[in-house]
Amino acid sequence: MKKLMKVTLLLMAIMTVLTLIYAGAVAYKMGYADGELHAHEYSVVKHPTHYNIWRHYFAEKLETEPEEWYTPEELGIVLIPGYDDYDIYIVDKEKALAWMRDGEFTPHALKYQDEFYRISFLWVTPGLGEWPWRILIGGVLGLGWIFTGALLLKERKKE
């Protein structure tokens, strides 16, 4: 076998493995991960980014009782345990969006399970969607297959 034919067959083997990995990743994303996303669509509890509020709200424990505080029910939120604090999710859209979107009223503290917490947030930067990356990787794999096929045809024409 000529050297170019060996290189072409090796390239085909590598392309086959990469294509199988890519197809598996896309199938996983479309089947499982997107299913998880759609499950959150129908969930009662939603993250603020679901409503295009690009902030991640969380509650940190306070040592002293603040002068003014609210309950999670008054704010339309629930607290879900995070690492060292609680993540804040929306359960009552009208109540929560009133203070999260408008910015005029910002509750600084809340009382939850007989303890007081300070409400803070971090800005969230929306990232690129998954589809541009899928198209880019799929395009590169497609070009690789075309190149490999061209090498194979070139070798067959020589024989």
N, C-alpha and C. Protein backbone atom coordinates (compact mmCIF):
# COMPACT_ATOMS: atom_id res chain seq x y z
N MET A 1 0.85 -1.18 0.00
CA MET A 1 0.00 0.00 0.00
C MET A 1 0.89 1.24 0.00
N LYS A 2 0.46 2.19 -0.77
CA LYS A 2 1.24 3.42 -0.84
C LYS A 2 1.06 4.24 0.44
N LYS A 3 2.02 5.10 0.66
CA LYS A 3 2.03 5.92 1.88
C LYS A 3 0.79 6.83 1.95
N LEU A 4 0.37 7.44 0.82
CA LEU A 4 -0.80 8.32 0.82
C LEU A 4 -2.08 7.55 1.18
N MET A 5 -2.17 6.30 0.73
CA MET A 5 -3.34 5.49 1.03
C MET A 5 -3.38 5.16 2.53
N LYS A 6 -2.23 4.87 3.12
CA LYS A 6 -2.18 4.59 4.56
C LYS A 6 -2.59 5.83 5.36
N VAL A 7 -2.10 6.99 4.95
CA VAL A 7 -2.46 8.24 5.63
C VAL A 7 -3.96 8.50 5.49
N THR A 8 -4.51 8.24 4.30
CA THR A 8 -5.94 8.45 4.06
C THR A 8 -6.78 7.53 4.93
N LEU A 9 -6.40 6.27 5.03
CA LEU A 9 -7.15 5.33 5.88
C LEU A 9 -7.05 5.69 7.36
N LEU A 10 -5.88 6.15 7.78
CA LEU A 10 -5.73 6.60 9.16
C LEU A 10 -6.60 7.83 9.43
N LEU A 11 -6.61 8.75 8.46
CA LEU A 11 -7.45 9.95 8.59
C LEU A 11 -8.93 9.57 8.64
N MET A 12 -9.33 8.58 7.86
CA MET A 12 -10.72 8.12 7.87
C MET A 12 -11.09 7.52 9.23
N ALA A 13 -10.17 6.77 9.81
CA ALA A 13 -10.42 6.18 11.12
C ALA A 13 -10.59 7.28 12.18
N ILE A 14 -9.72 8.28 12.14
CA ILE A 14 -9.82 9.40 13.09
C ILE A 14 -11.12 10.17 12.88
N MET A 15 -11.47 10.42 11.63
CA MET A 15 -12.72 11.14 11.33
C MET A 15 -13.94 10.35 11.80
N THR A 16 -13.89 9.03 11.67
CA THR A 16 -15.01 8.20 12.13
C THR A 16 -15.20 8.34 13.64
N VAL A 17 -14.11 8.27 14.37
CA VAL A 17 -14.18 8.40 15.83
C VAL A 17 -14.70 9.79 16.21
N LEU A 18 -14.16 10.84 15.60
CA LEU A 18 -14.60 12.20 15.92
C LEU A 18 -16.07 12.41 15.56
N THR A 19 -16.51 11.85 14.43
CA THR A 19 -17.90 11.98 14.02
C THR A 19 -18.83 11.27 14.99
N LEU A 20 -18.44 10.09 15.46
CA LEU A 20 -19.25 9.37 16.44
C LEU A 20 -19.35 10.13 17.76
N ILE A 21 -18.24 10.73 18.19
CA ILE A 21 -18.26 11.54 19.42
C ILE A 21 -19.17 12.74 19.24
N TYR A 22 -19.04 13.42 18.12
CA TYR A 22 -19.87 14.60 17.83
C TYR A 22 -21.35 14.22 17.77
N ALA A 23 -21.68 13.14 17.07
CA ALA A 23 -23.08 12.72 16.94
C ALA A 23 -23.65 12.33 18.30
N GLY A 24 -22.83 11.68 19.12
CA GLY A 24 -23.28 11.32 20.47
C GLY A 24 -23.54 12.54 21.33
N ALA A 25 -22.65 13.53 21.24
CA ALA A 25 -22.83 14.76 22.02
C ALA A 25 -24.08 15.52 21.59
N VAL A 26 -24.31 15.60 20.28
CA VAL A 26 -25.49 16.30 19.79
C VAL A 26 -26.76 15.55 20.19
N ALA A 27 -26.74 14.22 20.08
CA ALA A 27 -27.91 13.44 20.48
C ALA A 27 -28.19 13.60 21.96
N TYR A 28 -27.15 13.61 22.78
CA TYR A 28 -27.32 13.81 24.21
C TYR A 28 -27.93 15.18 24.50
N LYS A 29 -27.38 16.19 23.86
CA LYS A 29 -27.86 17.56 24.09
C LYS A 29 -29.30 17.71 23.66
N MET A 30 -29.63 17.17 22.50
CA MET A 30 -30.99 17.32 21.99
C MET A 30 -31.98 16.48 22.78
N GLY A 31 -31.56 15.32 23.25
CA GLY A 31 -32.47 14.43 23.95
C GLY A 31 -32.60 14.72 25.42
N TYR A 32 -31.48 14.74 26.11
CA TYR A 32 -31.53 14.85 27.57
C TYR A 32 -31.45 16.28 28.05
N ALA A 33 -30.40 16.99 27.65
CA ALA A 33 -30.18 18.33 28.19
C ALA A 33 -31.28 19.30 27.76
N ASP A 34 -31.71 19.25 26.49
CA ASP A 34 -32.82 20.11 26.07
C ASP A 34 -34.11 19.70 26.76
N GLY A 35 -34.24 18.41 27.05
CA GLY A 35 -35.40 17.95 27.81
C GLY A 35 -35.42 18.55 29.20
N GLU A 36 -34.25 18.64 29.81
CA GLU A 36 -34.15 19.28 31.12
C GLU A 36 -34.56 20.75 31.03
N LEU A 37 -34.12 21.42 29.96
CA LEU A 37 -34.47 22.83 29.76
C LEU A 37 -35.97 22.98 29.62
N HIS A 38 -36.60 22.12 28.84
CA HIS A 38 -38.04 22.21 28.67
C HIS A 38 -38.78 21.85 29.95
N ALA A 39 -38.20 20.97 30.77
CA ALA A 39 -38.82 20.66 32.06
C ALA A 39 -38.85 21.91 32.93
N HIS A 40 -37.77 22.74 32.85
CA HIS A 40 -37.75 23.99 33.61
C HIS A 40 -38.75 24.99 33.05
N GLU A 41 -39.05 24.90 31.76
CA GLU A 41 -40.04 25.79 31.16
C GLU A 41 -41.39 25.62 31.85
N TYR A 42 -41.73 24.40 32.20
CA TYR A 42 -43.04 24.11 32.79
C TYR A 42 -43.00 24.04 34.31
N SER A 43 -41.85 24.32 34.89
CA SER A 43 -41.71 24.32 36.33
C SER A 43 -42.33 25.58 36.92
N VAL A 44 -42.78 25.47 38.16
CA VAL A 44 -43.35 26.63 38.86
C VAL A 44 -42.24 27.58 39.27
N VAL A 45 -41.09 27.04 39.62
CA VAL A 45 -39.95 27.82 40.08
C VAL A 45 -39.07 28.16 38.89
N LYS A 46 -38.77 29.45 38.70
CA LYS A 46 -37.98 29.87 37.54
C LYS A 46 -36.85 30.82 37.99
N HIS A 47 -35.74 30.71 37.31
CA HIS A 47 -34.61 31.60 37.57
C HIS A 47 -34.92 32.96 36.93
N PRO A 48 -34.43 34.05 37.50
CA PRO A 48 -34.69 35.38 36.90
C PRO A 48 -34.29 35.49 35.43
N THR A 49 -33.26 34.77 35.01
CA THR A 49 -32.86 34.83 33.60
C THR A 49 -33.94 34.29 32.67
N HIS A 50 -34.85 33.49 33.19
CA HIS A 50 -35.98 33.00 32.38
C HIS A 50 -36.83 34.17 31.90
N TYR A 51 -36.86 35.25 32.68
CA TYR A 51 -37.63 36.45 32.33
C TYR A 51 -36.73 37.56 31.79
N ASN A 52 -35.55 37.20 31.31
CA ASN A 52 -34.57 38.15 30.75
C ASN A 52 -34.09 39.17 31.77
N ILE A 53 -34.01 38.76 33.00
CA ILE A 53 -33.38 39.57 34.05
C ILE A 53 -31.99 38.98 34.23
N TRP A 54 -30.99 39.68 33.78
CA TRP A 54 -29.64 39.12 33.73
C TRP A 54 -28.89 39.36 35.03
N ARG A 55 -29.49 38.84 36.09
CA ARG A 55 -28.88 38.89 37.44
C ARG A 55 -29.12 37.55 38.12
N HIS A 56 -28.16 37.15 38.92
CA HIS A 56 -28.31 35.96 39.76
C HIS A 56 -28.48 36.45 41.19
N TYR A 57 -29.69 36.32 41.72
CA TYR A 57 -29.97 36.77 43.08
C TYR A 57 -29.65 35.66 44.07
N PHE A 58 -29.12 36.07 45.22
CA PHE A 58 -28.85 35.11 46.28
C PHE A 58 -29.01 35.81 47.62
N ALA A 59 -29.15 35.01 48.69
CA ALA A 59 -29.37 35.54 50.03
C ALA A 59 -28.26 35.05 50.95
N GLU A 60 -27.60 36.01 51.62
CA GLU A 60 -26.53 35.70 52.56
C GLU A 60 -27.01 36.00 53.97
N LYS A 61 -26.64 35.16 54.90
CA LYS A 61 -27.09 35.29 56.28
C LYS A 61 -26.54 36.55 56.94
N LEU A 62 -27.42 37.24 57.67
CA LEU A 62 -27.03 38.43 58.44
C LEU A 62 -26.87 38.05 59.91
N GLU A 63 -25.98 38.73 60.60
CA GLU A 63 -25.76 38.47 62.02
C GLU A 63 -26.74 39.24 62.90
N THR A 64 -27.20 40.41 62.41
CA THR A 64 -28.11 41.23 63.21
C THR A 64 -29.43 41.40 62.47
N GLU A 65 -30.46 41.75 63.22
CA GLU A 65 -31.77 41.96 62.61
C GLU A 65 -31.80 43.33 61.94
N PRO A 66 -32.19 43.38 60.65
CA PRO A 66 -32.25 44.67 59.96
C PRO A 66 -33.50 45.45 60.37
N GLU A 67 -33.50 46.76 60.11
CA GLU A 67 -34.65 47.59 60.44
C GLU A 67 -35.86 47.23 59.59
N GLU A 68 -35.63 46.96 58.32
CA GLU A 68 -36.72 46.64 57.41
C GLU A 68 -36.42 45.32 56.72
N TRP A 69 -37.40 44.43 56.69
CA TRP A 69 -37.22 43.15 56.03
C TRP A 69 -38.56 42.67 55.47
N TYR A 70 -38.46 41.70 54.59
CA TYR A 70 -39.64 41.15 53.92
C TYR A 70 -39.61 39.62 54.03
N THR A 71 -40.73 39.01 53.73
CA THR A 71 -40.77 37.56 53.69
C THR A 71 -40.65 37.12 52.22
N PRO A 72 -40.23 35.90 51.99
CA PRO A 72 -40.18 35.42 50.60
C PRO A 72 -41.54 35.49 49.90
N GLU A 73 -42.61 35.27 50.64
CA GLU A 73 -43.95 35.32 50.04
C GLU A 73 -44.28 36.72 49.56
N GLU A 74 -43.88 37.74 50.34
CA GLU A 74 -44.14 39.12 49.93
C GLU A 74 -43.37 39.49 48.65
N LEU A 75 -42.22 38.87 48.47
CA LEU A 75 -41.38 39.18 47.32
C LEU A 75 -41.63 38.27 46.12
N GLY A 76 -42.41 37.21 46.32
CA GLY A 76 -42.72 36.29 45.23
C GLY A 76 -41.57 35.37 44.87
N ILE A 77 -40.78 35.00 45.87
CA ILE A 77 -39.59 34.19 45.61
C ILE A 77 -39.55 32.97 46.54
N VAL A 78 -38.67 32.05 46.21
CA VAL A 78 -38.32 30.96 47.11
C VAL A 78 -36.80 30.93 47.22
N LEU A 79 -36.33 30.39 48.32
CA LEU A 79 -34.89 30.26 48.54
C LEU A 79 -34.52 28.80 48.39
N ILE A 80 -33.53 28.54 47.58
CA ILE A 80 -33.06 27.18 47.34
C ILE A 80 -31.61 27.12 47.81
N PRO A 81 -31.27 26.15 48.66
CA PRO A 81 -29.91 26.10 49.20
C PRO A 81 -28.86 26.04 48.11
N GLY A 82 -27.84 26.90 48.28
CA GLY A 82 -26.69 26.92 47.37
C GLY A 82 -25.47 26.42 48.11
N TYR A 83 -24.30 26.99 47.80
CA TYR A 83 -23.08 26.56 48.47
C TYR A 83 -23.02 27.09 49.89
N ASP A 84 -22.84 28.40 50.05
CA ASP A 84 -22.79 29.00 51.38
C ASP A 84 -23.99 29.88 51.65
N ASP A 85 -24.89 29.98 50.69
CA ASP A 85 -26.02 30.88 50.81
C ASP A 85 -27.24 30.23 50.16
N TYR A 86 -28.24 31.02 49.87
CA TYR A 86 -29.43 30.52 49.19
C TYR A 86 -29.55 31.20 47.83
N ASP A 87 -29.90 30.43 46.82
CA ASP A 87 -30.21 31.00 45.52
C ASP A 87 -31.67 31.41 45.52
N ILE A 88 -31.97 32.52 44.85
CA ILE A 88 -33.33 33.05 44.83
C ILE A 88 -33.97 32.75 43.48
N TYR A 89 -35.13 32.10 43.52
CA TYR A 89 -35.90 31.77 42.31
C TYR A 89 -37.29 32.38 42.43
N ILE A 90 -37.91 32.60 41.29
CA ILE A 90 -39.21 33.26 41.22
C ILE A 90 -40.33 32.22 41.25
N VAL A 91 -41.34 32.47 42.12
CA VAL A 91 -42.55 31.63 42.11
C VAL A 91 -43.79 32.46 41.78
N ASP A 92 -43.78 33.73 42.15
CA ASP A 92 -44.90 34.62 41.83
C ASP A 92 -44.36 35.71 40.91
N LYS A 93 -44.66 35.55 39.64
CA LYS A 93 -44.08 36.42 38.60
C LYS A 93 -44.38 37.90 38.85
N GLU A 94 -45.64 38.24 39.16
CA GLU A 94 -46.02 39.65 39.32
C GLU A 94 -45.26 40.31 40.47
N LYS A 95 -45.21 39.63 41.61
CA LYS A 95 -44.53 40.21 42.77
C LYS A 95 -43.02 40.33 42.55
N ALA A 96 -42.41 39.27 42.04
CA ALA A 96 -40.96 39.26 41.91
C ALA A 96 -40.47 40.20 40.81
N LEU A 97 -41.16 40.21 39.68
CA LEU A 97 -40.70 41.05 38.58
C LEU A 97 -40.85 42.53 38.90
N ALA A 98 -41.78 42.86 39.78
CA ALA A 98 -41.96 44.26 40.16
C ALA A 98 -40.68 44.84 40.77
N TRP A 99 -40.02 44.11 41.62
CA TRP A 99 -38.80 44.65 42.23
C TRP A 99 -37.53 44.23 41.49
N MET A 100 -37.57 43.15 40.75
CA MET A 100 -36.37 42.73 40.04
C MET A 100 -36.15 43.54 38.76
N ARG A 101 -37.22 43.88 38.05
CA ARG A 101 -37.09 44.59 36.78
C ARG A 101 -37.03 46.10 36.95
N ASP A 102 -37.92 46.63 37.77
CA ASP A 102 -38.05 48.08 37.85
C ASP A 102 -36.85 48.75 38.50
N GLY A 103 -36.33 48.14 39.54
CA GLY A 103 -35.15 48.70 40.19
C GLY A 103 -35.46 49.84 41.15
N GLU A 104 -36.71 50.34 41.19
CA GLU A 104 -37.03 51.41 42.12
C GLU A 104 -37.07 50.89 43.55
N PHE A 105 -37.66 49.73 43.72
CA PHE A 105 -37.78 49.11 45.04
C PHE A 105 -36.82 47.93 45.09
N THR A 106 -35.84 48.04 45.95
CA THR A 106 -34.91 46.93 46.10
C THR A 106 -34.93 46.47 47.55
N PRO A 107 -35.52 45.31 47.78
CA PRO A 107 -35.51 44.80 49.17
C PRO A 107 -34.10 44.38 49.54
N HIS A 108 -33.64 44.88 50.66
CA HIS A 108 -32.27 44.58 51.07
C HIS A 108 -32.18 43.37 51.99
N ALA A 109 -33.28 43.03 52.66
CA ALA A 109 -33.23 41.93 53.62
C ALA A 109 -34.56 41.18 53.63
N LEU A 110 -34.46 39.92 54.04
CA LEU A 110 -35.66 39.11 54.19
C LEU A 110 -35.50 38.18 55.36
N LYS A 111 -36.65 37.75 55.87
CA LYS A 111 -36.67 36.81 56.99
C LYS A 111 -37.12 35.46 56.44
N TYR A 112 -36.32 34.45 56.72
CA TYR A 112 -36.61 33.10 56.24
C TYR A 112 -36.23 32.11 57.34
N GLN A 113 -37.19 31.31 57.76
CA GLN A 113 -36.99 30.32 58.82
C GLN A 113 -36.38 30.95 60.08
N ASP A 114 -36.97 32.05 60.51
CA ASP A 114 -36.56 32.77 61.73
C ASP A 114 -35.12 33.30 61.69
N GLU A 115 -34.57 33.47 60.52
CA GLU A 115 -33.25 34.07 60.38
C GLU A 115 -33.33 35.15 59.31
N PHE A 116 -32.38 36.07 59.35
CA PHE A 116 -32.39 37.20 58.43
C PHE A 116 -31.28 37.05 57.39
N TYR A 117 -31.62 37.47 56.16
CA TYR A 117 -30.70 37.33 55.04
C TYR A 117 -30.66 38.61 54.24
N ARG A 118 -29.48 38.92 53.74
CA ARG A 118 -29.30 40.07 52.86
C ARG A 118 -29.44 39.59 51.42
N ILE A 119 -30.20 40.33 50.62
CA ILE A 119 -30.37 39.99 49.21
C ILE A 119 -29.29 40.70 48.40
N SER A 120 -28.57 39.93 47.64
CA SER A 120 -27.52 40.45 46.77
C SER A 120 -27.70 39.85 45.39
N PHE A 121 -26.99 40.40 44.43
CA PHE A 121 -27.05 39.82 43.09
C PHE A 121 -25.72 40.00 42.37
N LEU A 122 -25.52 39.15 41.40
CA LEU A 122 -24.39 39.24 40.50
C LEU A 122 -24.94 39.38 39.10
N TRP A 123 -24.27 40.16 38.27
CA TRP A 123 -24.69 40.29 36.88
C TRP A 123 -24.39 39.00 36.15
N VAL A 124 -25.28 38.61 35.28
CA VAL A 124 -25.11 37.42 34.47
C VAL A 124 -24.98 37.89 33.02
N THR A 125 -23.95 37.43 32.34
CA THR A 125 -23.78 37.77 30.93
C THR A 125 -24.30 36.62 30.10
N PRO A 126 -25.32 36.87 29.27
CA PRO A 126 -25.82 35.78 28.45
C PRO A 126 -24.75 35.31 27.46
N GLY A 127 -24.59 34.01 27.36
CA GLY A 127 -23.58 33.45 26.47
C GLY A 127 -24.16 33.14 25.10
N LEU A 128 -23.28 32.70 24.24
CA LEU A 128 -23.72 32.27 22.92
C LEU A 128 -24.53 30.99 23.06
N GLY A 129 -25.45 30.81 22.18
CA GLY A 129 -26.23 29.59 22.17
C GLY A 129 -25.37 28.42 21.73
N GLU A 130 -25.91 27.24 21.88
CA GLU A 130 -25.19 26.03 21.51
C GLU A 130 -25.13 25.83 20.00
N TRP A 131 -26.14 26.28 19.26
CA TRP A 131 -26.21 25.98 17.84
C TRP A 131 -25.05 26.50 17.02
N PRO A 132 -24.53 27.71 17.24
CA PRO A 132 -23.37 28.12 16.43
C PRO A 132 -22.19 27.17 16.59
N TRP A 133 -21.99 26.65 17.79
CA TRP A 133 -20.88 25.73 18.01
C TRP A 133 -21.14 24.38 17.34
N ARG A 134 -22.38 23.93 17.39
CA ARG A 134 -22.71 22.67 16.72
C ARG A 134 -22.48 22.79 15.22
N ILE A 135 -22.90 23.91 14.66
CA ILE A 135 -22.73 24.12 13.22
C ILE A 135 -21.26 24.21 12.86
N LEU A 136 -20.48 24.93 13.67
CA LEU A 136 -19.05 25.07 13.40
C LEU A 136 -18.34 23.72 13.45
N ILE A 137 -18.57 22.96 14.50
CA ILE A 137 -17.91 21.67 14.63
C ILE A 137 -18.39 20.71 13.54
N GLY A 138 -19.70 20.71 13.27
CA GLY A 138 -20.22 19.87 12.20
C GLY A 138 -19.65 20.25 10.85
N GLY A 139 -19.49 21.55 10.61
CA GLY A 139 -18.89 22.01 9.35
C GLY A 139 -17.45 21.57 9.21
N VAL A 140 -16.68 21.66 10.28
CA VAL A 140 -15.28 21.24 10.24
C VAL A 140 -15.21 19.73 9.98
N LEU A 141 -16.07 18.96 10.64
CA LEU A 141 -16.10 17.52 10.39
C LEU A 141 -16.49 17.22 8.94
N GLY A 142 -17.47 17.94 8.43
CA GLY A 142 -17.89 17.76 7.03
C GLY A 142 -16.76 18.05 6.06
N LEU A 143 -16.04 19.15 6.31
CA LEU A 143 -14.89 19.48 5.45
C LEU A 143 -13.81 18.41 5.55
N GLY A 144 -13.63 17.87 6.74
CA GLY A 144 -12.66 16.78 6.91
C GLY A 144 -13.04 15.56 6.10
N TRP A 145 -14.34 15.22 6.09
CA TRP A 145 -14.80 14.08 5.29
C TRP A 145 -14.64 14.35 3.79
N ILE A 146 -14.93 15.56 3.37
CA ILE A 146 -14.74 15.90 1.95
C ILE A 146 -13.27 15.79 1.56
N PHE A 147 -12.39 16.31 2.41
CA PHE A 147 -10.96 16.24 2.15
C PHE A 147 -10.48 14.79 2.10
N THR A 148 -10.95 13.98 3.04
CA THR A 148 -10.57 12.57 3.07
C THR A 148 -11.08 11.85 1.83
N GLY A 149 -12.32 12.14 1.44
CA GLY A 149 -12.87 11.53 0.22
C GLY A 149 -12.11 11.94 -1.02
N ALA A 150 -11.69 13.20 -1.08
CA ALA A 150 -10.91 13.68 -2.22
C ALA A 150 -9.57 12.97 -2.29
N LEU A 151 -8.93 12.76 -1.14
CA LEU A 151 -7.66 12.03 -1.12
C LEU A 151 -7.86 10.60 -1.60
N LEU A 152 -8.94 9.97 -1.16
CA LEU A 152 -9.23 8.60 -1.55
C LEU A 152 -9.48 8.50 -3.06
N LEU A 153 -10.25 9.44 -3.60
CA LEU A 153 -10.51 9.44 -5.04
C LEU A 153 -9.25 9.71 -5.85
N LYS A 154 -8.41 10.59 -5.35
CA LYS A 154 -7.16 10.90 -6.04
C LYS A 154 -6.29 9.66 -6.10
N GLU A 155 -6.24 8.91 -5.01
CA GLU A 155 -5.42 7.70 -4.95
C GLU A 155 -5.99 6.62 -5.89
N ARG A 156 -7.33 6.53 -5.95
CA ARG A 156 -7.95 5.52 -6.82
C ARG A 156 -7.73 5.85 -8.30
N LYS A 157 -7.72 7.12 -8.66
CA LYS A 157 -7.50 7.52 -10.05
C LYS A 157 -6.07 7.19 -10.50
N LYS A 158 -5.13 7.24 -9.56
CA LYS A 158 -3.74 6.94 -9.89
C LYS A 158 -3.57 5.46 -10.23
N GLU A 159 -4.39 4.61 -9.62
CA GLU A 159 -4.25 3.17 -9.85
C GLU A 159 -4.79 2.73 -11.10
